[in-house]
C-alpha atoms as a PDB file:
ATOM      1  CA  MET A   1     -32.701 -69.708  23.761  1.00  0.00           C
ATOM      2  CA  ARG A   2     -32.266 -69.459  20.002  1.00  0.00           C
ATOM      3  CA  LYS A   3     -35.212 -67.026  19.805  1.00  0.00           C
ATOM      4  CA  LEU A   4     -33.720 -64.860  22.541  1.00  0.00           C
ATOM      5  CA  THR A   5     -30.394 -64.742  20.733  1.00  0.00           C
ATOM      6  CA  SER A   6     -32.103 -63.734  17.479  1.00  0.00           C
ATOM      7  CA  TYR A   7     -34.083 -61.053  19.298  1.00  0.00           C
ATOM      8  CA  LEU A   8     -30.960 -59.630  20.914  1.00  0.00           C
ATOM      9  CA  THR A   9     -29.180 -59.650  17.550  1.00  0.00           C
ATOM     10  CA  LEU A  10     -32.039 -57.753  15.901  1.00  0.00           C
ATOM     11  CA  LEU A  11     -32.125 -55.279  18.793  1.00  0.00           C
ATOM     12  CA  PHE A  12     -28.377 -54.722  18.468  1.00  0.00           C
ATOM     13  CA  VAL A  13     -28.617 -54.106  14.693  1.00  0.00           C
ATOM     14  CA  ALA A  14     -31.591 -51.753  15.149  1.00  0.00           C
ATOM     15  CA  THR A  15     -29.691 -49.778  17.777  1.00  0.00           C
ATOM     16  CA  ILE A  16     -26.727 -49.352  15.437  1.00  0.00           C
ATOM     17  CA  LEU A  17     -28.957 -48.277  12.537  1.00  0.00           C
ATOM     18  CA  LEU A  18     -30.820 -45.782  14.711  1.00  0.00           C
ATOM     19  CA  SER A  19     -27.572 -44.377  16.029  1.00  0.00           C
ATOM     20  CA  SER A  20     -26.239 -44.056  12.476  1.00  0.00           C
ATOM     21  CA  PHE A  21     -29.440 -42.335  11.353  1.00  0.00           C
ATOM     22  CA  LYS A  22     -29.268 -39.836  14.209  1.00  0.00           C
ATOM     23  CA  SER A  23     -25.602 -39.195  13.491  1.00  0.00           C
ATOM     24  CA  ASN A  24     -26.282 -38.535   9.803  1.00  0.00           C
ATOM     25  CA  GLN A  25     -29.252 -36.330  10.660  1.00  0.00           C
ATOM     26  CA  GLN A  26     -27.081 -34.334  13.056  1.00  0.00           C
ATOM     27  CA  GLN A  27     -24.407 -33.910  10.360  1.00  0.00           C
ATOM     28  CA  THR A  28     -27.057 -32.750   7.897  1.00  0.00           C
ATOM     29  CA  ASN A  29     -28.353 -30.158  10.348  1.00  0.00           C
ATOM     30  CA  ASP A  30     -24.923 -28.819  11.267  1.00  0.00           C
ATOM     31  CA  PRO A  31     -24.287 -25.341   9.768  1.00  0.00           C
ATOM     32  CA  THR A  32     -21.845 -25.179   6.890  1.00  0.00           C
ATOM     33  CA  GLU A  33     -18.670 -23.093   7.044  1.00  0.00           C
ATOM     34  CA  PHE A  34     -20.416 -20.548   4.830  1.00  0.00           C
ATOM     35  CA  GLU A  35     -23.313 -20.285   7.284  1.00  0.00           C
ATOM     36  CA  LEU A  36     -20.991 -20.053  10.271  1.00  0.00           C
ATOM     37  CA  LEU A  37     -19.013 -17.291   8.582  1.00  0.00           C
ATOM     38  CA  VAL A  38     -22.113 -15.288   7.649  1.00  0.00           C
ATOM     39  CA  GLN A  39     -23.488 -15.678  11.163  1.00  0.00           C
ATOM     40  CA  TYR A  40     -20.209 -14.491  12.657  1.00  0.00           C
ATOM     41  CA  LEU A  41     -19.860 -11.465  10.381  1.00  0.00           C
ATOM     42  CA  GLU A  42     -23.468 -10.387  10.854  1.00  0.00           C
ATOM     43  CA  ALA A  43     -23.160 -10.738  14.628  1.00  0.00           C
ATOM     44  CA  ASN A  44     -19.915  -8.763  14.743  1.00  0.00           C
ATOM     45  CA  GLY A  45     -20.575  -5.389  13.162  1.00  0.00           C
ATOM     46  CA  ASN A  46     -22.213  -6.548   9.914  1.00  0.00           C
ATOM     47  CA  PHE A  47     -20.131  -3.836   8.225  1.00  0.00           C
ATOM     48  CA  ILE A  48     -21.233  -4.307   4.625  1.00  0.00           C
ATOM     49  CA  ASN A  49     -24.912  -4.093   5.607  1.00  0.00           C
ATOM     50  CA  SER A  50     -24.494  -1.080   7.853  1.00  0.00           C
ATOM     51  CA  GLU A  51     -24.404   2.687   7.449  1.00  0.00           C
ATOM     52  CA  LEU A  52     -20.624   2.533   7.902  1.00  0.00           C
ATOM     53  CA  ALA A  53     -20.117   1.106   4.407  1.00  0.00           C
ATOM     54  CA  PRO A  54     -18.514   2.281   2.257  1.00  0.00           C
ATOM     55  CA  ALA A  55     -15.810   3.871   4.441  1.00  0.00           C
ATOM     56  CA  ILE A  56     -14.629   6.608   2.089  1.00  0.00           C
ATOM     57  CA  ILE A  57     -12.665   9.712   3.062  1.00  0.00           C
ATOM     58  CA  LEU A  58     -12.110  12.871   0.955  1.00  0.00           C
ATOM     59  CA  ALA A  59      -8.780  14.478   0.082  1.00  0.00           C
ATOM     60  CA  PRO A  60      -9.401  17.776   1.966  1.00  0.00           C
ATOM     61  CA  GLU A  61      -9.693  15.913   5.270  1.00  0.00           C
ATOM     62  CA  ILE A  62      -6.394  14.165   4.659  1.00  0.00           C
ATOM     63  CA  LYS A  63      -4.755  17.460   3.663  1.00  0.00           C
ATOM     64  CA  GLU A  64      -5.946  19.111   6.874  1.00  0.00           C
ATOM     65  CA  ASN A  65      -4.439  16.298   8.920  1.00  0.00           C
ATOM     66  CA  VAL A  66      -1.096  15.590   7.247  1.00  0.00           C
ATOM     67  CA  LYS A  67       0.683  16.527  10.483  1.00  0.00           C
ATOM     68  CA  ASN A  68      -1.859  14.881  12.749  1.00  0.00           C
ATOM     69  CA  LYS A  69      -0.233  11.788  14.259  1.00  0.00           C
ATOM     70  CA  LYS A  70      -3.684  10.306  14.783  1.00  0.00           C
ATOM     71  CA  TYR A  71      -4.137  10.122  10.998  1.00  0.00           C
ATOM     72  CA  LEU A  72      -2.156   7.427   9.208  1.00  0.00           C
ATOM     73  CA  VAL A  73      -1.989   7.215   5.411  1.00  0.00           C
ATOM     74  CA  LEU A  74      -0.889   3.952   3.798  1.00  0.00           C
ATOM     75  CA  ASP A  75      -0.001   4.272   0.114  1.00  0.00           C
ATOM     76  CA  ILE A  76      -0.270   0.909  -1.648  1.00  0.00           C
ATOM     77  CA  ARG A  77       0.971   2.064  -5.049  1.00  0.00           C
ATOM     78  CA  SER A  78       4.230   0.779  -6.510  1.00  0.00           C
ATOM     79  CA  GLU A  79       7.514   1.939  -5.005  1.00  0.00           C
ATOM     80  CA  ASP A  80       8.268   3.913  -8.192  1.00  0.00           C
ATOM     81  CA  TRP A  81       4.997   5.855  -8.088  1.00  0.00           C
ATOM     82  CA  TYR A  82       5.356   6.408  -4.364  1.00  0.00           C
ATOM     83  CA  ALA A  83       8.853   7.812  -4.953  1.00  0.00           C
ATOM     84  CA  TYR A  84       7.550   9.973  -7.798  1.00  0.00           C
ATOM     85  CA  GLY A  85       5.146  11.720  -5.441  1.00  0.00           C
ATOM     86  CA  HIS A  86       3.113  10.912  -2.345  1.00  0.00           C
ATOM     87  CA  ILE A  87       1.151  12.507   0.470  1.00  0.00           C
ATOM     88  CA  GLN A  88       3.241  13.924   3.276  1.00  0.00           C
ATOM     89  CA  ASN A  89       3.982  11.307   5.990  1.00  0.00           C
ATOM     90  CA  ALA A  90       2.322   8.520   3.993  1.00  0.00           C
ATOM     91  CA  GLU A  91       3.852   5.057   4.394  1.00  0.00           C
ATOM     92  CA  ASN A  92       4.380   2.794   1.380  1.00  0.00           C
ATOM     93  CA  VAL A  93       2.929  -0.696   1.988  1.00  0.00           C
ATOM     94  CA  GLU A  94       2.019  -3.312  -0.601  1.00  0.00           C
ATOM     95  CA  GLY A  95      -1.675  -4.177  -0.622  1.00  0.00           C
ATOM     96  CA  PRO A  96      -1.208  -7.915   0.062  1.00  0.00           C
ATOM     97  CA  GLU A  97       0.989  -7.034   3.069  1.00  0.00           C
ATOM     98  CA  LEU A  98      -1.567  -4.809   4.778  1.00  0.00           C
ATOM     99  CA  LEU A  99      -2.992  -7.424   7.126  1.00  0.00           C
ATOM    100  CA  ASN A 100       0.481  -8.396   8.323  1.00  0.00           C
ATOM    101  CA  TYR A 101       1.351  -4.700   8.673  1.00  0.00           C
ATOM    102  CA  PHE A 102      -1.681  -4.126  10.883  1.00  0.00           C
ATOM    103  CA  GLU A 103      -0.913  -7.168  13.006  1.00  0.00           C
ATOM    104  CA  THR A 104       2.832  -6.699  13.460  1.00  0.00           C
ATOM    105  CA  LYS A 105       3.988  -3.185  12.530  1.00  0.00           C
ATOM    106  CA  ILE A 106       1.479  -0.805  14.112  1.00  0.00           C
ATOM    107  CA  ILE A 107      -1.102  -0.572  16.853  1.00  0.00           C
ATOM    108  CA  PRO A 108      -4.173   0.311  14.739  1.00  0.00           C
ATOM    109  CA  ALA A 109      -6.221   1.445  17.740  1.00  0.00           C
ATOM    110  CA  ASN A 110      -3.736   4.293  18.297  1.00  0.00           C
ATOM    111  CA  TYR A 111      -5.100   6.089  15.211  1.00  0.00           C
ATOM    112  CA  ASP A 112      -8.360   7.933  14.682  1.00  0.00           C
ATOM    113  CA  LYS A 113      -8.313   7.140  10.980  1.00  0.00           C
ATOM    114  CA  ILE A 114      -6.134   4.944   8.796  1.00  0.00           C
ATOM    115  CA  THR A 115      -6.588   5.729   5.107  1.00  0.00           C
ATOM    116  CA  ILE A 116      -5.582   3.361   2.321  1.00  0.00           C
ATOM    117  CA  VAL A 117      -4.500   5.194  -0.825  1.00  0.00           C
ATOM    118  CA  CYS A 118      -4.050   3.830  -4.345  1.00  0.00           C
ATOM    119  CA  TYR A 119      -4.233   5.201  -7.898  1.00  0.00           C
ATOM    120  CA  SER A 120      -8.016   5.349  -8.326  1.00  0.00           C
ATOM    121  CA  GLY A 121      -9.522   4.448  -4.963  1.00  0.00           C
ATOM    122  CA  GLN A 122     -10.725   1.036  -6.116  1.00  0.00           C
ATOM    123  CA  SER A 123      -8.029  -1.342  -4.896  1.00  0.00           C
ATOM    124  CA  ALA A 124      -7.738   0.754  -1.727  1.00  0.00           C
ATOM    125  CA  ALA A 125     -11.473   0.274  -1.167  1.00  0.00           C
ATOM    126  CA  TYR A 126     -11.100  -3.474  -1.623  1.00  0.00           C
ATOM    127  CA  TYR A 127      -8.323  -3.740   0.942  1.00  0.00           C
ATOM    128  CA  ALA A 128     -10.103  -1.338   3.286  1.00  0.00           C
ATOM    129  CA  GLY A 129     -13.121  -3.642   3.015  1.00  0.00           C
ATOM    130  CA  LEU A 130     -11.044  -6.674   3.983  1.00  0.00           C
ATOM    131  CA  LEU A 131      -9.506  -4.815   6.916  1.00  0.00           C
ATOM    132  CA  ARG A 132     -12.955  -3.742   8.105  1.00  0.00           C
ATOM    133  CA  LEU A 133     -14.012  -7.393   8.046  1.00  0.00           C
ATOM    134  CA  ALA A 134     -10.893  -8.177  10.070  1.00  0.00           C
ATOM    135  CA  GLY A 135     -12.239  -5.861  12.759  1.00  0.00           C
ATOM    136  CA  TYR A 136     -10.290  -2.673  12.068  1.00  0.00           C
ATOM    137  CA  ASN A 137     -13.112  -0.154  12.248  1.00  0.00           C
ATOM    138  CA  ASN A 138     -10.984   2.951  11.703  1.00  0.00           C
ATOM    139  CA  VAL A 139      -9.919   2.074   8.148  1.00  0.00           C
ATOM    140  CA  TYR A 140     -10.978   4.124   5.113  1.00  0.00           C
ATOM    141  CA  ASN A 141     -10.048   4.572   1.471  1.00  0.00           C
ATOM    142  CA  LEU A 142      -9.297   7.870  -0.244  1.00  0.00           C
ATOM    143  CA  LYS A 143     -12.031   8.678  -2.766  1.00  0.00           C
ATOM    144  CA  TRP A 144     -10.658   8.740  -6.323  1.00  0.00           C
ATOM    145  CA  GLY A 145      -7.233   7.746  -4.919  1.00  0.00           C
ATOM    146  CA  MET A 146      -4.247   9.918  -5.791  1.00  0.00           C
ATOM    147  CA  SER A 147      -6.259  11.189  -8.754  1.00  0.00           C
ATOM    148  CA  SER A 148      -8.036  13.468  -6.286  1.00  0.00           C
ATOM    149  CA  TRP A 149      -4.748  14.756  -4.891  1.00  0.00           C
ATOM    150  CA  ALA A 150      -3.100  16.177  -8.007  1.00  0.00           C
ATOM    151  CA  ASP A 151      -3.723  16.425 -11.739  1.00  0.00           C
ATOM    152  CA  GLU A 152      -0.510  14.601 -12.638  1.00  0.00           C
ATOM    153  CA  PHE A 153      -1.920  11.449 -11.065  1.00  0.00           C
ATOM    154  CA  ALA A 154      -5.414  11.829 -12.519  1.00  0.00           C
ATOM    155  CA  THR A 155      -4.179  12.115 -16.109  1.00  0.00           C
ATOM    156  CA  ASN A 156      -3.519   8.419 -16.688  1.00  0.00           C
ATOM    157  CA  ILE A 157      -6.115   7.113 -14.266  1.00  0.00           C
ATOM    158  CA  TRP A 158      -9.527   8.752 -13.883  1.00  0.00           C
ATOM    159  CA  LYS A 159      -9.195  11.149 -16.809  1.00  0.00           C
ATOM    160  CA  LYS A 160      -8.180   8.323 -19.093  1.00  0.00           C
ATOM    161  CA  ASN A 161     -10.820   5.872 -17.919  1.00  0.00           C
ATOM    162  CA  SER A 162     -13.856   8.166 -17.653  1.00  0.00           C
ATOM    163  CA  SER A 163     -15.913   7.584 -20.788  1.00  0.00           C
ATOM    164  CA  ASP A 164     -19.325   7.699 -22.475  1.00  0.00           C
ATOM    165  CA  ALA A 165     -18.486   4.738 -24.687  1.00  0.00           C
ATOM    166  CA  PHE A 166     -21.630   2.742 -23.899  1.00  0.00           C
ATOM    167  CA  ALA A 167     -24.032   5.449 -22.758  1.00  0.00           C
ATOM    168  CA  ASP A 168     -26.289   4.613 -25.713  1.00  0.00           C
ATOM    169  CA  LYS A 169     -26.408   0.897 -24.915  1.00  0.00           C
ATOM    170  CA  LEU A 170     -27.983   1.048 -21.482  1.00  0.00           C
ATOM    171  CA  GLU A 171     -31.005  -0.978 -20.437  1.00  0.00           C
ATOM    172  CA  THR A 172     -33.818   0.525 -18.360  1.00  0.00           C
ATOM    173  CA  THR A 173     -35.738  -2.707 -17.780  1.00  0.00           C
ATOM    174  CA  THR A 174     -36.198  -3.727 -14.156  1.00  0.00           C
ATOM    175  CA  ASN A 175     -34.903  -7.274 -13.900  1.00  0.00           C
ATOM    176  CA  PRO A 176     -36.337  -9.252 -10.949  1.00  0.00           C
ATOM    177  CA  LEU A 177     -34.031 -11.048  -8.569  1.00  0.00           C
ATOM    178  CA  PRO A 178     -34.046 -14.846  -8.833  1.00  0.00           C
ATOM    179  CA  GLU A 179     -35.227 -17.185  -6.105  1.00  0.00           C
ATOM    180  CA  LYS A 180     -32.839 -17.989  -3.293  1.00  0.00           C
ATOM    181  CA  SER A 181     -30.266 -20.552  -4.323  1.00  0.00           C
ATOM    182  CA  THR A 182     -27.503 -22.714  -2.888  1.00  0.00           C
ATOM    183  CA  THR A 183     -24.489 -21.101  -1.271  1.00  0.00           C
ATOM    184  CA  PRO A 184     -20.733 -21.388  -1.864  1.00  0.00           C
ATOM    185  CA  THR A 185     -18.754 -24.217  -0.325  1.00  0.00           C
ATOM    186  CA  ILE A 186     -15.966 -23.072   1.990  1.00  0.00           C
ATOM    187  CA  THR A 187     -13.471 -25.687   3.193  1.00  0.00           C
ATOM    188  CA  THR A 188     -11.009 -24.158   5.631  1.00  0.00           C
ATOM    189  CA  GLY A 189     -11.449 -27.037   8.040  1.00  0.00           C
ATOM    190  CA  LYS A 190     -12.291 -24.625  10.860  1.00  0.00           C
ATOM    191  CA  ILE A 191     -15.383 -24.974  13.029  1.00  0.00           C
ATOM    192  CA  GLU A 192     -15.777 -21.456  14.426  1.00  0.00           C
ATOM    193  CA  GLY A 193     -16.729 -18.339  12.507  1.00  0.00           C
ATOM    194  CA  LYS A 194     -13.781 -16.267  13.691  1.00  0.00           C
ATOM    195  CA  ASP A 195     -11.303 -18.947  12.623  1.00  0.00           C
ATOM    196  CA  ILE A 196     -12.995 -19.413   9.246  1.00  0.00           C
ATOM    197  CA  LEU A 197     -12.796 -15.633   8.720  1.00  0.00           C
ATOM    198  CA  LYS A 198      -9.115 -15.556   9.604  1.00  0.00           C
ATOM    199  CA  ALA A 199      -8.355 -18.297   7.081  1.00  0.00           C
ATOM    200  CA  ARG A 200     -10.452 -16.662   4.370  1.00  0.00           C
ATOM    201  CA  LEU A 201      -8.802 -13.273   4.963  1.00  0.00           C
ATOM    202  CA  LYS A 202      -5.386 -14.837   4.545  1.00  0.00           C
ATOM    203  CA  GLU A 203      -6.469 -16.269   1.192  1.00  0.00           C
ATOM    204  CA  ALA A 204      -8.047 -12.983   0.084  1.00  0.00           C
ATOM    205  CA  PHE A 205      -4.966 -10.893   0.804  1.00  0.00           C
ATOM    206  CA  ALA A 206      -2.859 -13.354  -1.189  1.00  0.00           C
ATOM    207  CA  LYS A 207      -4.898 -12.750  -4.346  1.00  0.00           C
ATOM    208  CA  PRO A 208      -3.932  -9.649  -6.424  1.00  0.00           C
ATOM    209  CA  TYR A 209      -6.750  -7.128  -6.702  1.00  0.00           C
ATOM    210  CA  LYS A 210      -6.165  -6.792 -10.451  1.00  0.00           C
ATOM    211  CA  ASP A 211      -7.620 -10.292 -10.835  1.00  0.00           C
ATOM    212  CA  PHE A 212     -11.027  -8.913  -9.829  1.00  0.00           C
ATOM    213  CA  ILE A 213     -11.248  -6.144 -12.444  1.00  0.00           C
ATOM    214  CA  VAL A 214     -13.436  -6.461 -15.539  1.00  0.00           C
ATOM    215  CA  LYS A 215     -13.512  -3.665 -18.119  1.00  0.00           C
ATOM    216  CA  ALA A 216     -16.703  -2.133 -19.484  1.00  0.00           C
ATOM    217  CA  GLU A 217     -16.028  -3.213 -23.067  1.00  0.00           C
ATOM    218  CA  VAL A 218     -15.851  -6.853 -21.974  1.00  0.00           C
ATOM    219  CA  VAL A 219     -19.175  -6.602 -20.152  1.00  0.00           C
ATOM    220  CA  PHE A 220     -21.098  -4.783 -22.869  1.00  0.00           C
ATOM    221  CA  GLU A 221     -19.760  -7.111 -25.552  1.00  0.00           C
ATOM    222  CA  ASN A 222     -21.019 -10.203 -23.733  1.00  0.00           C
ATOM    223  CA  PRO A 223     -23.323  -9.144 -20.868  1.00  0.00           C
ATOM    224  CA  SER A 224     -24.738 -12.659 -20.491  1.00  0.00           C
ATOM    225  CA  ASP A 225     -21.309 -13.893 -19.393  1.00  0.00           C
ATOM    226  CA  PHE A 226     -21.885 -12.200 -16.061  1.00  0.00           C
ATOM    227  CA  TYR A 227     -24.459 -11.982 -13.327  1.00  0.00           C
ATOM    228  CA  THR A 228     -24.269  -8.210 -12.959  1.00  0.00           C
ATOM    229  CA  ALA A 229     -25.254  -6.919  -9.536  1.00  0.00           C
ATOM    230  CA  ASN A 230     -25.932  -3.203  -9.894  1.00  0.00           C
ATOM    231  CA  TYR A 231     -25.047  -1.973  -6.392  1.00  0.00           C
ATOM    232  CA  VAL A 232     -26.866   1.373  -6.532  1.00  0.00           C
ATOM    233  CA  SER A 233     -30.077   3.141  -5.553  1.00  0.00           C
ATOM    234  CA  GLU A 234     -33.327   2.450  -7.393  1.00  0.00           C
ATOM    235  CA  GLU A 235     -33.225   5.845  -9.123  1.00  0.00           C
ATOM    236  CA  LYS A 236     -29.756   5.239 -10.520  1.00  0.00           C
ATOM    237  CA  TYR A 237     -30.624   1.720 -11.602  1.00  0.00           C
ATOM    238  CA  ASN A 238     -33.782   2.857 -13.405  1.00  0.00           C
ATOM    239  CA  PHE A 239     -31.865   5.536 -15.264  1.00  0.00           C
ATOM    240  CA  GLY A 240     -29.831   2.905 -17.077  1.00  0.00           C
ATOM    241  CA  HIS A 241     -27.645  -0.107 -16.440  1.00  0.00           C
ATOM    242  CA  VAL A 242     -25.689  -2.898 -18.077  1.00  0.00           C
ATOM    243  CA  PRO A 243     -28.135  -5.125 -20.016  1.00  0.00           C
ATOM    244  CA  GLY A 244     -29.425  -7.868 -17.755  1.00  0.00           C
ATOM    245  CA  ALA A 245     -28.195  -6.245 -14.549  1.00  0.00           C
ATOM    246  CA  LEU A 246     -30.136  -6.775 -11.342  1.00  0.00           C
ATOM    247  CA  ARG A 247     -30.296  -4.231  -8.531  1.00  0.00           C
ATOM    248  CA  TYR A 248     -28.934  -4.837  -5.051  1.00  0.00           C
ATOM    249  CA  GLN A 249     -29.509  -2.123  -2.484  1.00  0.00           C
ATOM    250  CA  PRO A 250     -26.295  -0.915  -0.786  1.00  0.00           C
ATOM    251  CA  GLY A 251     -26.398  -1.308   2.971  1.00  0.00           C
ATOM    252  CA  THR A 252     -29.042  -4.029   3.098  1.00  0.00           C
ATOM    253  CA  SER A 253     -29.107  -6.458   0.159  1.00  0.00           C
ATOM    254  CA  LEU A 254     -26.086  -8.553   1.094  1.00  0.00           C
ATOM    255  CA  SER A 255     -27.680  -9.689   4.350  1.00  0.00           C
ATOM    256  CA  SER A 256     -28.723 -13.294   4.935  1.00  0.00           C
ATOM    257  CA  THR A 257     -32.206 -11.995   5.760  1.00  0.00           C
ATOM    258  CA  SER A 258     -32.390 -10.022   2.511  1.00  0.00           C
ATOM    259  CA  ASP A 259     -30.990 -10.924  -0.910  1.00  0.00           C
ATOM    260  CA  LEU A 260     -27.605 -12.526  -0.263  1.00  0.00           C
ATOM    261  CA  TYR A 261     -28.828 -16.020  -1.099  1.00  0.00           C
ATOM    262  CA  THR A 262     -30.145 -14.932  -4.500  1.00  0.00           C
ATOM    263  CA  LEU A 263     -26.572 -14.651  -5.765  1.00  0.00           C
ATOM    264  CA  PRO A 264     -25.534 -17.587  -7.978  1.00  0.00           C
ATOM    265  CA  ILE A 265     -22.603 -19.903  -7.318  1.00  0.00           C
ATOM    266  CA  ASP A 266     -22.333 -21.116 -10.920  1.00  0.00           C
ATOM    267  CA  LYS A 267     -21.691 -17.796 -12.636  1.00  0.00           C
ATOM    268  CA  LYS A 268     -19.290 -14.859 -12.462  1.00  0.00           C
ATOM    269  CA  ILE A 269     -20.830 -12.146 -10.304  1.00  0.00           C
ATOM    270  CA  LEU A 270     -19.952  -8.652 -11.475  1.00  0.00           C
ATOM    271  CA  VAL A 271     -20.598  -5.861  -8.981  1.00  0.00           C
ATOM    272  CA  SER A 272     -21.145  -2.407 -10.437  1.00  0.00           C
ATOM    273  CA  CYS A 273     -21.579   1.018  -8.856  1.00  0.00           C
ATOM    274  CA  GLU A 274     -20.814   4.578  -9.989  1.00  0.00           C
ATOM    275  CA  THR A 275     -17.083   4.630  -9.201  1.00  0.00           C
ATOM    276  CA  GLY A 276     -16.012   1.052  -8.561  1.00  0.00           C
ATOM    277  CA  GLN A 277     -15.301   1.938  -4.933  1.00  0.00           C
ATOM    278  CA  SER A 278     -18.557   0.993  -3.190  1.00  0.00           C
ATOM    279  CA  ALA A 279     -18.534  -2.100  -5.380  1.00  0.00           C
ATOM    280  CA  ALA A 280     -15.011  -2.944  -4.200  1.00  0.00           C
ATOM    281  CA  TYR A 281     -16.261  -3.169  -0.615  1.00  0.00           C
ATOM    282  CA  ALA A 282     -18.990  -5.572  -1.756  1.00  0.00           C
ATOM    283  CA  VAL A 283     -16.443  -7.571  -3.748  1.00  0.00           C
ATOM    284  CA  ALA A 284     -14.265  -7.913  -0.646  1.00  0.00           C
ATOM    285  CA  TYR A 285     -17.227  -9.230   1.334  1.00  0.00           C
ATOM    286  CA  LEU A 286     -18.436 -11.676  -1.312  1.00  0.00           C
ATOM    287  CA  GLN A 287     -14.903 -12.891  -1.979  1.00  0.00           C
ATOM    288  CA  ILE A 288     -14.559 -13.773   1.701  1.00  0.00           C
ATOM    289  CA  LEU A 289     -17.836 -15.696   1.473  1.00  0.00           C
ATOM    290  CA  GLY A 290     -16.562 -17.763  -1.444  1.00  0.00           C
ATOM    291  CA  TYR A 291     -18.426 -16.277  -4.417  1.00  0.00           C
ATOM    292  CA  ASP A 292     -16.790 -15.962  -7.833  1.00  0.00           C
ATOM    293  CA  VAL A 293     -16.951 -12.182  -7.828  1.00  0.00           C
ATOM    294  CA  TYR A 294     -15.540  -9.272  -9.857  1.00  0.00           C
ATOM    295  CA  ASN A 295     -15.652  -5.484  -9.996  1.00  0.00           C
ATOM    296  CA  LEU A 296     -16.602  -3.383 -13.013  1.00  0.00           C
ATOM    297  CA  GLY A 297     -13.533  -1.167 -13.312  1.00  0.00           C
ATOM    298  CA  TYR A 298     -14.269   2.546 -12.737  1.00  0.00           C
ATOM    299  CA  GLY A 299     -17.944   1.689 -12.387  1.00  0.00           C
ATOM    300  CA  ALA A 300     -20.509   3.591 -14.450  1.00  0.00           C
ATOM    301  CA  ASN A 301     -17.903   6.317 -15.017  1.00  0.00           C
ATOM    302  CA  SER A 302     -16.335   3.926 -17.504  1.00  0.00           C
ATOM    303  CA  TYR A 303     -19.379   4.009 -19.785  1.00  0.00           C
ATOM    304  CA  MET A 304     -21.599   7.034 -18.946  1.00  0.00           C
ATOM    305  CA  ASN A 305     -19.432   9.624 -17.223  1.00  0.00           C
ATOM    306  CA  THR A 306     -21.267  12.646 -18.660  1.00  0.00           C
ATOM    307  CA  ASN A 307     -24.634  11.342 -17.464  1.00  0.00           C
ATOM    308  CA  LEU A 308     -23.272  10.856 -13.962  1.00  0.00           C
ATOM    309  CA  ASN A 309     -21.907  14.386 -13.853  1.00  0.00           C
ATOM    310  CA  SER A 310     -25.135  15.905 -15.125  1.00  0.00           C
ATOM    311  CA  LYS A 311     -27.077  14.051 -12.420  1.00  0.00           C
ATOM    312  CA  GLY A 312     -24.596  14.728  -9.637  1.00  0.00           C
ATOM    313  CA  TRP A 313     -24.045  10.987  -9.173  1.00  0.00           C
ATOM    314  CA  ASN A 314     -20.346  10.601  -8.401  1.00  0.00           C
ATOM    315  CA  GLY A 315     -19.173  11.450 -11.871  1.00  0.00           C
ATOM    316  CA  PHE A 316     -15.448  12.152 -12.078  1.00  0.00           C
ATOM    317  CA  SER A 317     -14.513  15.609 -13.352  1.00  0.00           C
ATOM    318  CA  ALA A 318     -11.796  18.227 -12.959  1.00  0.00           C
ATOM    319  CA  LYS A 319     -13.479  19.589  -9.828  1.00  0.00           C
ATOM    320  CA  GLU A 320     -12.518  16.386  -7.999  1.00  0.00           C
ATOM    321  CA  ILE A 321      -8.815  17.210  -8.430  1.00  0.00           C
ATOM    322  CA  ASN A 322      -7.427  19.320  -5.587  1.00  0.00           C
ATOM    323  CA  ASN A 323      -3.852  19.834  -6.815  1.00  0.00           C
ATOM    324  CA  TYR A 324      -2.307  19.503  -3.377  1.00  0.00           C
ATOM    325  CA  PRO A 325       1.494  19.372  -3.003  1.00  0.00           C
ATOM    326  CA  VAL A 326       3.285  16.032  -2.904  1.00  0.00           C
ATOM    327  CA  VAL A 327       6.498  14.773  -1.357  1.00  0.00           C
ATOM    328  CA  GLU A 328       9.013  13.440  -3.867  1.00  0.00           C
END
């Protein structure tokens, strides 16, 4: 009888241990919130890795449609600058309030195109990127922002910040991408991708876009402080980039099946493009995924504007200014 009791006790303990092992194994194999979010985004449009990104619209199209009720322009500049001069029929909405505006103030599907407008096009691109991730597929940003609308707006924005200050300090070395690494930890407490995205979007809209901007002088002074992701074509990358920068191909590289997992979680990621606008879309995406990410303000225009213009690579110049009328 004593032997039977001992046997039953051992069997009971073994059953508990096996159950615990299986439970722990199941927990280990469960996808993380990061993985669930990536899976959800890639299965629902995969905007950042598609031909739709970046969603940039030019000033002439807006001008031709100022009276078109199917075109909505949302100006996210300060109230003072909006009052000083804005596009006809444009609505003034603060950037952090855009998601709430879309959810409660308008019916987004009623418009063919909704264009976000700012000073330079960069913050507008960031918010347009977030709204695209939220599922609003008719959202765009105005290229160059109000700087493309009239000279008076370009003077203190693109004219002031277009420079050749570091054109002689570029690197032409091709830096190989690192091996795939660990991914960010997201802790929203949600268990479905759509709910994780909703929580992350709420957090992203609460953070001021200015917190993401890094100036060229900061980068070139201490390039090793950043993991610089040069978000451009191979030709543009080979021409010259921030020392130490690595190239990520727009439209493909930020996919889980491509190079997304090569991005580090222990260093500031700085995304750079020609204008800061394509990069802003990437910043929006990576911010949602939990990376410590930043945008190189005004892109390569901030350090080699003349080179960009000579190559026809999105260099800002006077020809980008349309001098359209504004409403005061």
